[in-house]
Amino acid sequence: MYPVLADIHGAESNPVPLRADFGLPSIAELKRGKKWNFQAALTLVATPNAPSGRGYATAELETLCRAQKGVVVLDEAYVDFGNENAMSLALKHPHVLVARTFSKAYSLCFQRVGYFVGHPELIGALQKLRDSYNVNGLGQIAALATLDDLPYYRATFQKIIATRQRLSRELEGLGFEVLPSQTNFILV
């Protein structure tokens, strides 16, 4: 959706491919490729990534965040199924936002409830841009209800992770190539 949203807003997009294993290119690789813009106003990174399911280490993301001059959004839509999260980066770096959603792990995809965590000045700037009716009342009630039952959801995350691991092993046993995943899906 990133290129679509960029087009809608008339923004120039500059997609840079991941490595063959869906890993993030190193800073040195980005500099060598001369396609990456370290001055970009906005950089978006999905972690864990869709559609590969690959998660990125917080240390690796921090290296990228330190190199970027503009706002960096770390899209953690699938983070509840992953090994690490980058929340500390949003709290540490004033130009980093972590985006989360209730759509994936909390099964509220039709409610369209999401949020950013970041530096107060950055959040304040976003507040000026958002529509005053951006989350409907039913979505807010549903999101609050999930927060009232976090132990249930955390147990469900663990069941999904166990199922993902078991299915991956079984598919590999049948001869399929299964990429490692830190999401609620696998790429086979």
Protein backbone atom coordinates (compact mmCIF):
# COMPACT_ATOMS: atom_id res chain seq x y z
CA MET A 1 0.00 0.00 0.00
CA TYR A 2 2.93 2.38 0.48
CA PRO A 3 3.32 3.19 -3.25
CA VAL A 4 -0.46 3.56 -3.64
CA LEU A 5 -0.66 5.99 -0.73
CA ALA A 6 2.33 7.93 -2.04
CA ASP A 7 0.61 8.27 -5.43
CA ILE A 8 -2.64 9.41 -3.81
CA HIS A 9 -0.76 12.20 -2.04
CA GLY A 10 1.41 13.10 -5.03
CA ALA A 11 4.57 12.07 -3.20
CA GLU A 12 7.60 10.71 -4.97
CA SER A 13 8.19 7.11 -3.97
CA ASN A 14 11.56 5.44 -4.03
CA PRO A 15 11.15 1.70 -3.43
CA VAL A 16 14.39 -0.10 -2.72
CA PRO A 17 14.42 -3.90 -2.99
CA LEU A 18 15.24 -6.12 -0.07
CA ARG A 19 18.03 -8.69 -0.29
CA ALA A 20 17.27 -12.03 -1.94
CA ASP A 21 16.59 -13.47 1.54
CA PHE A 22 14.22 -10.53 2.25
CA GLY A 23 16.76 -9.00 4.63
CA LEU A 24 17.33 -5.28 4.86
CA PRO A 25 20.29 -4.01 2.85
CA SER A 26 23.12 -2.72 5.05
CA ILE A 27 23.91 0.99 5.14
CA ALA A 28 27.02 0.29 3.04
CA GLU A 29 24.88 -1.52 0.43
CA LEU A 30 22.40 1.34 0.38
CA LYS A 31 25.20 3.85 -0.14
CA ARG A 32 26.76 1.73 -2.89
CA GLY A 33 23.46 1.26 -4.71
CA LYS A 34 22.92 5.03 -4.83
CA LYS A 35 19.15 4.47 -4.96
CA TRP A 36 18.52 5.07 -1.27
CA ASN A 37 17.82 8.62 -0.13
CA PHE A 38 19.12 9.22 3.39
CA GLN A 39 17.50 12.68 3.24
CA ALA A 40 14.02 11.35 2.40
CA ALA A 41 11.23 13.13 4.27
CA LEU A 42 9.59 9.79 5.07
CA THR A 43 10.96 6.24 5.15
CA LEU A 44 8.67 3.26 5.69
CA VAL A 45 9.87 -0.15 6.86
CA ALA A 46 7.49 -3.07 7.51
CA THR A 47 8.84 -5.19 10.37
CA PRO A 48 7.99 -8.03 10.34
CA ASN A 49 7.74 -7.74 6.60
CA ALA A 50 4.80 -8.70 4.44
CA PRO A 51 4.70 -10.82 2.36
CA SER A 52 7.95 -12.52 3.40
CA GLY A 53 7.22 -12.79 7.13
CA ARG A 54 10.81 -11.77 7.86
CA GLY A 55 11.38 -9.85 11.06
CA TYR A 56 14.26 -7.45 11.57
CA ALA A 57 16.40 -7.15 14.68
CA THR A 58 15.99 -3.95 16.68
CA ALA A 59 19.74 -3.29 16.42
CA GLU A 60 19.56 -3.54 12.62
CA LEU A 61 16.60 -1.16 12.51
CA GLU A 62 18.36 1.27 14.81
CA THR A 63 21.34 1.45 12.44
CA LEU A 64 18.98 2.39 9.63
CA CYS A 65 17.10 4.91 11.81
CA ARG A 66 20.34 6.62 12.83
CA ALA A 67 21.35 7.01 9.16
CA GLN A 68 18.02 8.54 8.09
CA LYS A 69 17.48 12.29 8.42
CA GLY A 70 13.72 12.35 7.83
CA VAL A 71 10.88 10.61 9.65
CA VAL A 72 11.15 6.82 9.82
CA VAL A 73 7.96 4.79 10.29
CA LEU A 74 8.47 1.24 11.48
CA ASP A 75 5.26 -0.56 10.58
CA GLU A 76 4.78 -3.29 13.17
CA ALA A 77 1.42 -4.63 12.02
CA TYR A 78 2.54 -8.23 12.67
CA VAL A 79 4.83 -7.63 15.64
CA ASP A 80 2.73 -9.65 18.11
CA PHE A 81 3.84 -12.80 16.27
CA GLY A 82 7.54 -11.82 16.14
CA ASN A 83 10.64 -12.21 18.25
CA GLU A 84 11.39 -8.51 18.77
CA ASN A 85 9.77 -5.13 18.52
CA ALA A 86 11.19 -1.68 17.87
CA MET A 87 9.14 0.32 20.36
CA SER A 88 12.30 1.45 22.15
CA LEU A 89 13.44 3.17 18.95
CA ALA A 90 10.33 5.35 18.86
CA LEU A 91 10.97 6.34 22.45
CA LYS A 92 14.69 6.96 21.85
CA HIS A 93 14.82 8.78 18.49
CA PRO A 94 12.71 11.91 17.90
CA HIS A 95 12.31 11.17 14.17
CA VAL A 96 11.09 7.55 14.55
CA LEU A 97 7.48 6.41 14.73
CA VAL A 98 6.26 2.89 15.43
CA ALA A 99 2.94 2.06 13.80
CA ARG A 100 0.73 -0.63 15.30
CA THR A 101 -2.69 -1.94 14.43
CA PHE A 102 -5.49 -3.92 16.03
CA SER A 103 -6.21 -5.49 12.61
CA LYS A 104 -3.92 -8.51 12.69
CA ALA A 105 -3.31 -9.95 16.15
CA TYR A 106 -6.53 -8.62 17.66
CA SER A 107 -8.77 -9.57 14.70
CA LEU A 108 -10.24 -6.08 14.29
CA CYS A 109 -9.43 -5.70 10.59
CA PHE A 110 -12.82 -4.21 9.73
CA GLN A 111 -12.58 -1.63 12.51
CA ARG A 112 -9.44 0.05 11.09
CA VAL A 113 -7.93 0.91 14.49
CA GLY A 114 -4.25 1.72 14.57
CA TYR A 115 -1.87 4.03 16.38
CA PHE A 116 1.58 5.61 16.31
CA VAL A 117 4.08 5.83 19.15
CA GLY A 118 6.78 8.46 18.91
CA HIS A 119 8.22 11.74 20.11
CA PRO A 120 5.53 14.17 21.39
CA GLU A 121 6.39 16.80 18.75
CA LEU A 122 6.01 14.27 15.94
CA ILE A 123 2.72 12.99 17.34
CA GLY A 124 1.56 16.62 17.73
CA ALA A 125 2.29 17.26 14.06
CA LEU A 126 0.27 14.18 13.11
CA GLN A 127 -2.62 15.35 15.28
CA LYS A 128 -2.85 18.48 13.10
CA LEU A 129 -3.22 16.33 9.97
CA ARG A 130 -5.68 13.70 11.07
CA ASP A 131 -9.38 13.81 10.39
CA SER A 132 -11.42 14.52 13.52
CA TYR A 133 -13.51 11.39 12.83
CA ASN A 134 -10.71 9.02 11.96
CA VAL A 135 -11.72 6.10 14.27
CA ASN A 136 -15.38 5.36 14.74
CA GLY A 137 -16.93 4.70 18.14
CA LEU A 138 -17.46 0.99 17.55
CA GLY A 139 -13.79 0.60 16.63
CA GLN A 140 -12.74 2.41 19.80
CA ILE A 141 -14.98 0.21 21.96
CA ALA A 142 -13.66 -2.95 20.27
CA ALA A 143 -10.03 -1.86 20.75
CA LEU A 144 -10.61 -1.09 24.42
CA ALA A 145 -12.28 -4.49 24.89
CA THR A 146 -9.19 -6.24 23.53
CA LEU A 147 -7.01 -4.33 25.98
CA ASP A 148 -9.24 -5.58 28.80
CA ASP A 149 -8.43 -9.18 27.83
CA LEU A 150 -4.71 -9.15 26.98
CA PRO A 151 -3.97 -12.54 28.62
CA TYR A 152 -6.42 -14.18 26.18
CA TYR A 153 -4.80 -12.50 23.19
CA ARG A 154 -1.27 -13.29 24.33
CA ALA A 155 -2.22 -16.96 24.70
CA THR A 156 -3.73 -16.84 21.22
CA PHE A 157 -0.52 -15.33 19.81
CA GLN A 158 1.41 -18.27 21.27
CA LYS A 159 -1.02 -20.77 19.70
CA ILE A 160 -0.64 -19.10 16.31
CA ILE A 161 3.16 -19.12 16.62
CA ALA A 162 3.15 -22.82 17.57
CA THR A 163 0.83 -23.61 14.64
CA ARG A 164 3.05 -21.59 12.26
CA GLN A 165 6.13 -23.51 13.43
CA ARG A 166 4.42 -26.90 13.16
CA LEU A 167 3.02 -26.15 9.69
CA SER A 168 6.43 -24.90 8.53
CA ARG A 169 8.11 -28.13 9.72
CA GLU A 170 5.45 -30.29 8.07
CA LEU A 171 5.68 -28.43 4.76
CA GLU A 172 9.49 -28.67 4.83
CA GLY A 173 9.08 -32.41 5.47
CA LEU A 174 7.04 -32.58 2.25
CA GLY A 175 9.87 -30.90 0.35
CA PHE A 176 8.61 -27.33 0.27
CA GLU A 177 10.92 -24.38 0.82
CA VAL A 178 9.47 -22.43 3.74
CA LEU A 179 10.87 -19.04 4.60
CA PRO A 180 11.26 -18.19 8.30
CA SER A 181 8.32 -16.13 9.50
CA GLN A 182 7.61 -13.84 12.43
CA THR A 183 4.03 -13.21 11.36
CA ASN A 184 0.73 -15.07 11.40
CA PHE A 185 1.45 -16.41 7.89
CA ILE A 186 4.26 -18.15 6.04
CA LEU A 187 5.74 -17.75 2.58
CA VAL A 188 6.19 -21.14 0.91
